[in-house]
Protein backbone atom coordinates (compact mmCIF):
# COMPACT_ATOMS: atom_id res chain seq x y z
CA MET A 1 -10.03 17.70 0.56
CA ASP A 2 -6.76 15.95 -0.15
CA PRO A 3 -6.68 14.98 -3.86
CA ALA A 4 -4.52 11.95 -3.02
CA ARG A 5 -7.35 10.64 -0.82
CA PRO A 6 -10.61 11.01 -2.71
CA ALA A 7 -13.74 11.11 -0.58
CA GLY A 8 -15.30 8.19 -2.41
CA PRO A 9 -15.59 6.44 -5.72
CA ASP A 10 -16.94 8.33 -8.68
CA PRO A 11 -19.91 6.43 -10.18
CA ALA A 12 -18.91 7.77 -13.63
CA ASP A 13 -15.53 6.03 -13.30
CA PRO A 14 -15.55 2.87 -15.49
CA PHE A 15 -13.65 1.09 -12.72
CA PHE A 16 -16.34 1.90 -10.13
CA GLY A 17 -16.97 -1.29 -8.15
CA GLU A 18 -20.70 -1.46 -8.80
CA ARG A 19 -20.19 -1.27 -12.57
CA SER A 20 -17.44 -3.85 -12.81
CA GLY A 21 -17.14 -7.21 -11.11
CA ASP A 22 -13.48 -7.46 -12.03
CA ALA A 23 -10.78 -6.55 -9.56
CA VAL A 24 -8.79 -3.43 -10.35
CA LEU A 25 -5.36 -3.83 -8.83
CA GLU A 26 -2.30 -1.64 -8.68
CA THR A 27 1.17 -2.62 -7.54
CA ILE A 28 3.56 -0.07 -6.09
CA GLU A 29 7.03 -0.25 -4.60
CA ILE A 30 7.65 1.83 -1.51
CA ALA A 31 11.24 2.36 -0.44
CA THR A 32 11.71 2.16 3.31
CA GLU A 33 14.42 2.99 5.82
CA GLY A 34 15.40 0.83 8.77
CA GLU A 35 14.08 -2.43 7.38
CA ASP A 36 16.89 -4.97 7.50
CA CYS A 37 15.78 -8.20 9.20
CA ASP A 38 13.08 -10.86 9.40
CA GLU A 39 11.53 -9.04 12.36
CA CYS A 40 10.83 -6.13 10.01
CA VAL A 41 8.94 -8.47 7.70
CA ARG A 42 6.89 -9.76 10.65
CA LYS A 43 5.95 -6.18 11.58
CA LEU A 44 5.34 -4.65 8.15
CA ARG A 45 3.49 -7.42 6.33
CA PRO A 46 0.57 -7.87 8.76
CA THR A 47 0.22 -4.13 9.27
CA LEU A 48 -0.20 -3.53 5.55
CA LYS A 49 -2.33 -6.65 4.96
CA ARG A 50 -4.93 -5.36 7.47
CA ILE A 51 -5.68 -2.36 5.26
CA SER A 52 -8.89 -2.78 3.30
CA GLY A 53 -8.12 -3.45 -0.36
CA VAL A 54 -4.55 -4.71 0.10
CA ARG A 55 -4.21 -8.04 -1.69
CA ASP A 56 -0.51 -8.85 -1.37
CA VAL A 57 2.56 -7.52 0.44
CA LYS A 58 6.13 -8.52 -0.30
CA VAL A 59 8.95 -7.16 1.82
CA ASP A 60 12.33 -6.99 0.09
CA VAL A 61 14.74 -6.70 3.03
CA GLU A 62 17.86 -6.65 0.87
CA HIS A 63 16.74 -3.60 -1.11
CA GLU A 64 14.72 -2.02 1.74
CA ARG A 65 11.42 -1.82 -0.08
CA VAL A 66 7.86 -3.03 0.21
CA ILE A 67 5.88 -4.15 -2.83
CA VAL A 68 2.14 -3.78 -2.29
CA THR A 69 -0.68 -4.93 -4.57
CA PHE A 70 -3.96 -3.21 -3.71
CA ASP A 71 -7.38 -2.20 -4.99
CA PRO A 72 -7.29 1.59 -5.48
CA ARG A 73 -11.07 1.69 -5.04
CA LYS A 74 -10.62 0.68 -1.41
CA THR A 75 -7.34 2.30 -0.31
CA HIS A 76 -4.77 4.79 -1.52
CA ALA A 77 -0.97 5.06 -1.51
CA PRO A 78 -0.91 7.68 1.30
CA ASP A 79 -2.75 5.19 3.54
CA LEU A 80 -0.02 2.63 2.87
CA HIS A 81 2.68 5.20 3.71
CA ASP A 82 0.83 6.06 6.94
CA ALA A 83 0.70 2.38 7.93
CA ILE A 84 4.45 2.05 7.36
CA LEU A 85 5.07 5.06 9.60
CA LYS A 86 2.79 3.68 12.32
CA SER A 87 4.68 0.37 12.28
CA GLY A 88 7.90 2.18 13.21
CA TYR A 89 9.51 2.44 9.79
CA LYS A 90 9.52 5.29 7.37
CA PRO A 91 9.14 5.57 3.63
CA ALA A 92 12.42 6.54 1.98
CA PRO A 93 12.94 8.78 -1.03
CA MET A 94 14.27 5.94 -3.20
CA ALA A 95 15.03 2.21 -3.00
CA ASP A 96 18.68 1.11 -3.11
């Protein structure tokens, strides 16, 4: 089992969906390489928005990064990285 991708929610977790009606959201910035035009935004945004739990996606073309707000009970950062790779871009080690 990959610890970055838990098999499922832990019912003992106070943020477990059935125990809390409130949304639990995280926002992360993912540096990317090769993203430098409006076409990139048209490819990346919808790809990431289709992932269950993703609430918002902002693509910062100037600094080559993607800012994603998501529910960690429904998806995980490695899934976001995989979606970026599948869209033809790749996560970078660090944003400019």
